[in-house]
Protein backbone atom coordinates (compact mmCIF):
# COMPACT_ATOMS: atom_id res chain seq x y z
CA MET A 1 136.53 87.65 88.65
CA SER A 2 132.82 87.75 87.65
CA LYS A 3 130.11 87.58 89.89
CA CYS A 4 127.16 85.42 89.73
CA LEU A 5 124.02 86.83 89.79
CA LYS A 6 121.25 84.90 91.21
CA PHE A 7 117.48 85.41 91.55
CA VAL A 8 115.00 84.04 93.58
CA LEU A 9 111.55 83.65 92.18
CA LYS A 10 108.32 83.04 94.08
CA THR A 11 105.86 82.07 91.09
CA LYS A 12 102.26 81.47 90.38
CA CYS A 13 101.76 84.68 92.46
CA ASP A 14 98.28 85.02 90.90
CA ILE A 15 97.09 82.26 92.98
CA LYS A 16 96.48 83.50 96.41
CA ASN A 17 98.07 82.01 99.14
CA ASP A 18 98.01 83.00 102.93
CA ASN A 19 101.05 81.53 103.56
CA GLU A 20 103.04 85.15 104.94
CA ASN A 21 105.71 82.82 106.82
CA LEU A 22 106.82 81.31 103.70
CA LEU A 23 107.13 84.49 101.83
CA LYS A 24 109.28 86.03 104.58
CA ASP A 25 111.04 82.55 104.63
CA ILE A 26 111.80 83.00 100.89
CA LYS A 27 112.87 86.76 101.13
CA LYS A 28 114.97 85.97 103.81
CA TYR A 29 116.61 83.14 101.76
CA ALA A 30 117.11 85.45 98.89
CA ASN A 31 119.04 88.34 101.00
CA GLU A 32 121.16 85.65 102.85
CA ILE A 33 122.44 84.08 99.42
CA ASP A 34 122.72 87.98 98.47
CA ALA A 35 119.61 87.16 95.50
CA ILE A 36 117.34 89.41 93.94
CA PHE A 37 113.57 88.54 94.71
CA PHE A 38 110.69 88.74 92.23
CA GLU A 39 107.37 87.47 92.76
CA THR A 40 105.81 86.68 89.44
CA SER A 41 103.15 85.20 87.52
CA ALA A 42 103.42 84.18 83.98
CA LYS A 43 99.51 83.31 83.50
CA ASP A 44 98.54 86.78 84.36
CA ASN A 45 102.27 88.51 83.44
CA ILE A 46 102.80 89.85 86.58
CA ASN A 47 106.55 90.88 86.89
CA ILE A 48 107.43 89.31 83.81
CA ASP A 49 109.07 92.24 81.94
CA ALA A 50 110.48 93.68 85.35
CA LEU A 51 112.27 90.39 85.77
CA TYR A 52 114.08 90.16 82.33
CA GLN A 53 114.39 94.05 82.75
CA SER A 54 116.46 93.54 85.96
CA ILE A 55 118.27 90.53 84.52
CA CYS A 56 119.72 92.67 81.84
CA PHE A 57 120.35 95.75 83.85
CA ASN A 58 122.53 93.28 86.41
CA VAL A 59 124.17 91.75 83.56
CA GLU A 60 125.14 95.12 82.17
CA LYS A 61 126.20 96.72 85.29
CA LEU A 62 128.27 93.40 85.90
CA LYS A 63 130.43 93.89 82.77
CA LEU A 64 130.75 97.39 83.52
CA GLN A 65 132.51 96.55 87.06
CA ASP A 66 134.33 93.92 85.30
CA ASP A 67 135.62 96.39 82.30
CA GLU A 68 136.44 98.75 85.22
CA ALA A 69 138.21 96.26 87.14
CA GLN A 70 140.34 95.23 83.75
CA ILE A 71 141.53 98.92 83.10
CA ARG A 72 142.79 99.02 86.70
CA ILE A 73 144.62 96.05 86.51
CA ASN A 74 146.08 97.47 83.10
CA ARG A 75 146.81 100.45 85.15
CA ILE A 76 148.82 98.39 87.99
CA GLU A 77 150.50 96.18 85.19
CA ASN A 78 151.84 99.42 83.24
CA GLN A 79 152.86 101.15 86.50
CA SER A 80 154.96 97.97 87.59
CA LYS A 81 156.63 97.80 84.12
CA TYR A 82 157.48 101.52 84.29
CA ASN A 83 158.67 100.95 87.74
CA SER A 84 161.06 98.15 87.35
CA SER A 85 162.58 99.66 83.96
CA ASN A 86 162.32 103.40 84.53
CA CYS A 87 161.34 103.40 80.97
CA TRP A 88 158.27 103.11 78.69
CA CYS A 89 159.75 101.73 75.71
């Protein structure tokens, strides 16, 4: 089963906002939904590269997990075939 990557972004972090409660709520929400949180600014190029690197890294990580899971499934299927007929042929 594939997992969905979730990201929560607070954009326009170049604009100063003193609302710390809002930031805490956003981080809390990201944590609750098991999402990766980033504060970004396209205008000032803040965390844009880090965001894309995180996306790429986490996609590759999921692909590896799926590959490992498929290998385990194949092993289990092969073991059950062997156990049911006592022969690999």
